[in-house]
């Protein structure tokens, strides 16, 4: 939120409360005893502070200064957040270095998989047992069949034979 937006947002929340209404009958009968009575009468007056505030906010020099200060505030907050993240990173390393490195390596591995769009589990694929599953035999057959078909097409093109 920018500094210049604050008065607009607060104005809706700072409305005066609803007036208190008291029903009272005023007697104008001369036979009644004279009593002291006080009455409040609302009079609308221009708010001088509001005009001063508007003129301050509308001046271009002030707007530029406010925008510059607002940007500095946002940059400072961003720097604070970065420093907080770094501090938490270093504190977790200081508390448990081995656990931290294991967690960090797992996180980096997940990030690398996400960035490279790796499908499957490379750690599992490293092991020989992975390739002794039932699907592996069919995959090998399909691979060799596609290679034989590819070589056949290359040979037919080289010899000029057309398959009709």
C-alpha atoms as a PDB file:
ATOM      1  CA  UNK A   1       0.000   0.000   0.000  1.00  0.00           C
ATOM      2  CA  UNK A   2       1.367   3.394  -0.918  1.00  0.00           C
ATOM      3  CA  UNK A   3       1.534   6.226   1.575  1.00  0.00           C
ATOM      4  CA  UNK A   4      -0.779   8.387  -0.514  1.00  0.00           C
ATOM      5  CA  UNK A   5      -3.527   5.716  -0.342  1.00  0.00           C
ATOM      6  CA  UNK A   6      -3.634   5.680   3.466  1.00  0.00           C
ATOM      7  CA  UNK A   7      -5.980   8.696   3.932  1.00  0.00           C
ATOM      8  CA  UNK A   8      -8.442   7.336   1.375  1.00  0.00           C
ATOM      9  CA  UNK A   9      -8.577   3.940   3.062  1.00  0.00           C
ATOM     10  CA  UNK A  10      -8.810   5.396   6.571  1.00  0.00           C
ATOM     11  CA  UNK A  11     -11.527   7.905   5.648  1.00  0.00           C
ATOM     12  CA  UNK A  12     -14.118   5.144   5.276  1.00  0.00           C
ATOM     13  CA  UNK A  13     -13.225   3.784   8.716  1.00  0.00           C
ATOM     14  CA  UNK A  14     -13.191   7.158  10.479  1.00  0.00           C
ATOM     15  CA  UNK A  15     -16.752   8.223   9.778  1.00  0.00           C
ATOM     16  CA  UNK A  16     -18.521   9.903  12.721  1.00  0.00           C
ATOM     17  CA  UNK A  17     -20.799   7.656  14.788  1.00  0.00           C
ATOM     18  CA  UNK A  18     -24.526   7.690  14.307  1.00  0.00           C
ATOM     19  CA  UNK A  19     -26.174  10.489  16.301  1.00  0.00           C
ATOM     20  CA  UNK A  20     -27.954   9.602  19.516  1.00  0.00           C
ATOM     21  CA  UNK A  21     -31.632  10.486  19.295  1.00  0.00           C
ATOM     22  CA  UNK A  22     -33.560  11.293  22.450  1.00  0.00           C
ATOM     23  CA  UNK A  23     -37.274  11.899  22.098  1.00  0.00           C
ATOM     24  CA  UNK A  24     -38.330  14.688  24.433  1.00  0.00           C
ATOM     25  CA  UNK A  25     -41.454  16.790  24.476  1.00  0.00           C
ATOM     26  CA  UNK A  26     -40.786  20.500  24.999  1.00  0.00           C
ATOM     27  CA  UNK A  27     -43.542  22.197  26.860  1.00  0.00           C
ATOM     28  CA  UNK A  28     -44.307  25.750  25.789  1.00  0.00           C
ATOM     29  CA  UNK A  29     -47.165  26.186  28.209  1.00  0.00           C
ATOM     30  CA  UNK A  30     -46.646  29.406  30.227  1.00  0.00           C
ATOM     31  CA  UNK A  31     -48.184  27.802  33.310  1.00  0.00           C
ATOM     32  CA  UNK A  32     -45.262  25.371  33.609  1.00  0.00           C
ATOM     33  CA  UNK A  33     -42.348  26.390  35.735  1.00  0.00           C
ATOM     34  CA  UNK A  34     -39.317  27.700  33.927  1.00  0.00           C
ATOM     35  CA  UNK A  35     -36.623  25.034  33.790  1.00  0.00           C
ATOM     36  CA  UNK A  36     -33.129  25.229  32.465  1.00  0.00           C
ATOM     37  CA  UNK A  37     -32.762  23.339  29.184  1.00  0.00           C
ATOM     38  CA  UNK A  38     -29.753  22.743  26.941  1.00  0.00           C
ATOM     39  CA  UNK A  39     -29.978  21.777  23.293  1.00  0.00           C
ATOM     40  CA  UNK A  40     -27.238  20.736  20.865  1.00  0.00           C
ATOM     41  CA  UNK A  41     -27.585  21.943  17.328  1.00  0.00           C
ATOM     42  CA  UNK A  42     -25.414  20.386  14.629  1.00  0.00           C
ATOM     43  CA  UNK A  43     -23.702  22.891  12.374  1.00  0.00           C
ATOM     44  CA  UNK A  44     -21.697  21.719   9.384  1.00  0.00           C
ATOM     45  CA  UNK A  45     -18.321  23.436   9.033  1.00  0.00           C
ATOM     46  CA  UNK A  46     -15.594  22.892   6.456  1.00  0.00           C
ATOM     47  CA  UNK A  47     -12.744  20.807   7.831  1.00  0.00           C
ATOM     48  CA  UNK A  48      -9.571  22.898   7.463  1.00  0.00           C
ATOM     49  CA  UNK A  49      -7.310  19.951   8.194  1.00  0.00           C
ATOM     50  CA  UNK A  50      -8.847  18.023   5.320  1.00  0.00           C
ATOM     51  CA  UNK A  51      -8.086  20.786   2.814  1.00  0.00           C
ATOM     52  CA  UNK A  52      -4.513  21.079   4.101  1.00  0.00           C
ATOM     53  CA  UNK A  53      -4.051  17.330   3.857  1.00  0.00           C
ATOM     54  CA  UNK A  54      -5.438  17.239   0.309  1.00  0.00           C
ATOM     55  CA  UNK A  55      -3.201  20.102  -0.806  1.00  0.00           C
ATOM     56  CA  UNK A  56      -0.198  18.316   0.720  1.00  0.00           C
ATOM     57  CA  UNK A  57      -1.015  15.039  -0.989  1.00  0.00           C
ATOM     58  CA  UNK A  58      -1.744  16.671  -4.335  1.00  0.00           C
ATOM     59  CA  UNK A  59       1.481  18.654  -4.551  1.00  0.00           C
ATOM     60  CA  UNK A  60       3.779  16.980  -7.092  1.00  0.00           C
ATOM     61  CA  UNK A  61       6.981  17.596  -5.162  1.00  0.00           C
ATOM     62  CA  UNK A  62       5.517  15.897  -2.124  1.00  0.00           C
ATOM     63  CA  UNK A  63       4.198  13.051  -4.281  1.00  0.00           C
ATOM     64  CA  UNK A  64       7.648  12.405  -5.719  1.00  0.00           C
ATOM     65  CA  UNK A  65       9.227  12.505  -2.291  1.00  0.00           C
ATOM     66  CA  UNK A  66       6.560  10.196  -0.884  1.00  0.00           C
ATOM     67  CA  UNK A  67       6.990   7.767  -3.800  1.00  0.00           C
ATOM     68  CA  UNK A  68      10.775   7.766  -3.309  1.00  0.00           C
ATOM     69  CA  UNK A  69      10.433   7.133   0.417  1.00  0.00           C
ATOM     70  CA  UNK A  70       7.800   4.465  -0.247  1.00  0.00           C
ATOM     71  CA  UNK A  71      10.197   2.664  -2.620  1.00  0.00           C
ATOM     72  CA  UNK A  72      12.979   2.866  -0.035  1.00  0.00           C
ATOM     73  CA  UNK A  73      10.646   1.354   2.561  1.00  0.00           C
ATOM     74  CA  UNK A  74       9.743  -1.518   0.227  1.00  0.00           C
ATOM     75  CA  UNK A  75      13.425  -2.145  -0.586  1.00  0.00           C
ATOM     76  CA  UNK A  76      14.304  -2.123   3.112  1.00  0.00           C
ATOM     77  CA  UNK A  77      11.531  -4.602   3.880  1.00  0.00           C
ATOM     78  CA  UNK A  78      12.732  -6.845   1.048  1.00  0.00           C
ATOM     79  CA  UNK A  79      16.296  -6.694   2.395  1.00  0.00           C
ATOM     80  CA  UNK A  80      15.052  -7.549   5.887  1.00  0.00           C
ATOM     81  CA  UNK A  81      13.148 -10.558   4.520  1.00  0.00           C
ATOM     82  CA  UNK A  82      16.231 -11.778   2.629  1.00  0.00           C
ATOM     83  CA  UNK A  83      18.407 -11.397   5.721  1.00  0.00           C
ATOM     84  CA  UNK A  84      15.825 -13.256   7.804  1.00  0.00           C
ATOM     85  CA  UNK A  85      15.849 -16.135   5.308  1.00  0.00           C
ATOM     86  CA  UNK A  86      19.656 -16.240   5.363  1.00  0.00           C
ATOM     87  CA  UNK A  87      19.672 -16.221   9.166  1.00  0.00           C
ATOM     88  CA  UNK A  88      17.194 -19.112   9.358  1.00  0.00           C
ATOM     89  CA  UNK A  89      19.307 -21.001   6.794  1.00  0.00           C
ATOM     90  CA  UNK A  90      22.488 -20.535   8.828  1.00  0.00           C
ATOM     91  CA  UNK A  91      20.801 -21.280  12.172  1.00  0.00           C
ATOM     92  CA  UNK A  92      19.382 -24.566  10.902  1.00  0.00           C
ATOM     93  CA  UNK A  93      22.864 -25.509   9.656  1.00  0.00           C
ATOM     94  CA  UNK A  94      24.389 -24.590  13.032  1.00  0.00           C
ATOM     95  CA  UNK A  95      21.829 -26.688  14.958  1.00  0.00           C
ATOM     96  CA  UNK A  96      22.189 -29.927  12.942  1.00  0.00           C
ATOM     97  CA  UNK A  97      24.830 -29.812  10.171  1.00  0.00           C
ATOM     98  CA  UNK A  98      24.392 -33.407   8.983  1.00  0.00           C
ATOM     99  CA  UNK A  99      20.595 -33.296   8.924  1.00  0.00           C
ATOM    100  CA  UNK A 100      20.711 -29.881   7.286  1.00  0.00           C
ATOM    101  CA  UNK A 101      22.986 -31.090   4.470  1.00  0.00           C
ATOM    102  CA  UNK A 102      20.814 -34.180   3.887  1.00  0.00           C
ATOM    103  CA  UNK A 103      17.649 -32.062   3.741  1.00  0.00           C
ATOM    104  CA  UNK A 104      19.347 -29.496   1.532  1.00  0.00           C
ATOM    105  CA  UNK A 105      20.594 -32.154  -0.921  1.00  0.00           C
ATOM    106  CA  UNK A 106      17.112 -33.672  -1.151  1.00  0.00           C
ATOM    107  CA  UNK A 107      15.675 -30.218  -1.804  1.00  0.00           C
ATOM    108  CA  UNK A 108      18.282 -29.519  -4.485  1.00  0.00           C
ATOM    109  CA  UNK A 109      17.556 -32.893  -6.097  1.00  0.00           C
ATOM    110  CA  UNK A 110      13.820 -32.102  -6.227  1.00  0.00           C
ATOM    111  CA  UNK A 111      14.568 -28.667  -7.688  1.00  0.00           C
ATOM    112  CA  UNK A 112      16.846 -30.184 -10.331  1.00  0.00           C
ATOM    113  CA  UNK A 113      14.173 -32.709 -11.320  1.00  0.00           C
ATOM    114  CA  UNK A 114      11.641 -29.905 -11.609  1.00  0.00           C
ATOM    115  CA  UNK A 115      13.954 -27.719 -13.691  1.00  0.00           C
ATOM    116  CA  UNK A 116      15.022 -30.504 -16.080  1.00  0.00           C
ATOM    117  CA  UNK A 117      11.576 -32.144 -16.310  1.00  0.00           C
ATOM    118  CA  UNK A 118      13.036 -35.529 -15.309  1.00  0.00           C
ATOM    119  CA  UNK A 119      10.430 -38.282 -15.405  1.00  0.00           C
ATOM    120  CA  UNK A 120      10.985 -41.264 -13.141  1.00  0.00           C
ATOM    121  CA  UNK A 121      13.350 -41.820 -10.275  1.00  0.00           C
ATOM    122  CA  UNK A 122      17.049 -41.700 -11.299  1.00  0.00           C
ATOM    123  CA  UNK A 123      18.160 -43.167  -7.973  1.00  0.00           C
ATOM    124  CA  UNK A 124      15.946 -46.221  -8.474  1.00  0.00           C
ATOM    125  CA  UNK A 125      16.964 -46.530 -12.146  1.00  0.00           C
ATOM    126  CA  UNK A 126      20.626 -46.805 -11.092  1.00  0.00           C
ATOM    127  CA  UNK A 127      20.036 -50.193  -9.500  1.00  0.00           C
ATOM    128  CA  UNK A 128      20.049 -53.440 -11.527  1.00  0.00           C
ATOM    129  CA  UNK A 129      16.835 -54.768  -9.919  1.00  0.00           C
ATOM    130  CA  UNK A 130      14.922 -51.996 -11.670  1.00  0.00           C
ATOM    131  CA  UNK A 131      15.573 -53.638 -15.070  1.00  0.00           C
ATOM    132  CA  UNK A 132      14.511 -57.165 -14.039  1.00  0.00           C
ATOM    133  CA  UNK A 133      10.860 -56.164 -13.864  1.00  0.00           C
ATOM    134  CA  UNK A 134       8.327 -57.708 -16.326  1.00  0.00           C
ATOM    135  CA  UNK A 135       8.006 -54.585 -18.473  1.00  0.00           C
ATOM    136  CA  UNK A 136      11.738 -54.529 -19.294  1.00  0.00           C
ATOM    137  CA  UNK A 137      11.590 -57.616 -21.609  1.00  0.00           C
ATOM    138  CA  UNK A 138       8.799 -56.089 -23.701  1.00  0.00           C
ATOM    139  CA  UNK A 139      10.571 -52.719 -23.792  1.00  0.00           C
ATOM    140  CA  UNK A 140      13.726 -54.361 -25.188  1.00  0.00           C
ATOM    141  CA  UNK A 141      11.714 -56.173 -27.873  1.00  0.00           C
ATOM    142  CA  UNK A 142       9.963 -52.957 -28.914  1.00  0.00           C
ATOM    143  CA  UNK A 143      13.257 -51.064 -28.999  1.00  0.00           C
ATOM    144  CA  UNK A 144      14.931 -53.648 -31.258  1.00  0.00           C
ATOM    145  CA  UNK A 145      11.853 -53.805 -33.510  1.00  0.00           C
ATOM    146  CA  UNK A 146      11.893 -50.012 -33.980  1.00  0.00           C
ATOM    147  CA  UNK A 147      15.645 -50.101 -34.738  1.00  0.00           C
ATOM    148  CA  UNK A 148      15.163 -52.902 -37.322  1.00  0.00           C
ATOM    149  CA  UNK A 149      12.357 -50.911 -38.984  1.00  0.00           C
ATOM    150  CA  UNK A 150      14.513 -47.781 -39.033  1.00  0.00           C
ATOM    151  CA  UNK A 151      17.430 -49.659 -40.684  1.00  0.00           C
ATOM    152  CA  UNK A 152      15.055 -51.266 -43.164  1.00  0.00           C
ATOM    153  CA  UNK A 153      13.747 -47.856 -44.268  1.00  0.00           C
ATOM    154  CA  UNK A 154      17.290 -46.524 -44.617  1.00  0.00           C
ATOM    155  CA  UNK A 155      18.265 -49.534 -46.749  1.00  0.00           C
ATOM    156  CA  UNK A 156      15.169 -49.232 -48.942  1.00  0.00           C
ATOM    157  CA  UNK A 157      15.883 -45.545 -49.516  1.00  0.00           C
ATOM    158  CA  UNK A 158      19.496 -46.273 -50.397  1.00  0.00           C
ATOM    159  CA  UNK A 159      18.494 -48.997 -52.891  1.00  0.00           C
ATOM    160  CA  UNK A 160      15.583 -46.981 -54.249  1.00  0.00           C
ATOM    161  CA  UNK A 161      13.015 -49.612 -53.366  1.00  0.00           C
ATOM    162  CA  UNK A 162       9.499 -48.347 -52.765  1.00  0.00           C
ATOM    163  CA  UNK A 163       7.141 -50.041 -50.390  1.00  0.00           C
ATOM    164  CA  UNK A 164       3.689 -50.148 -52.013  1.00  0.00           C
END
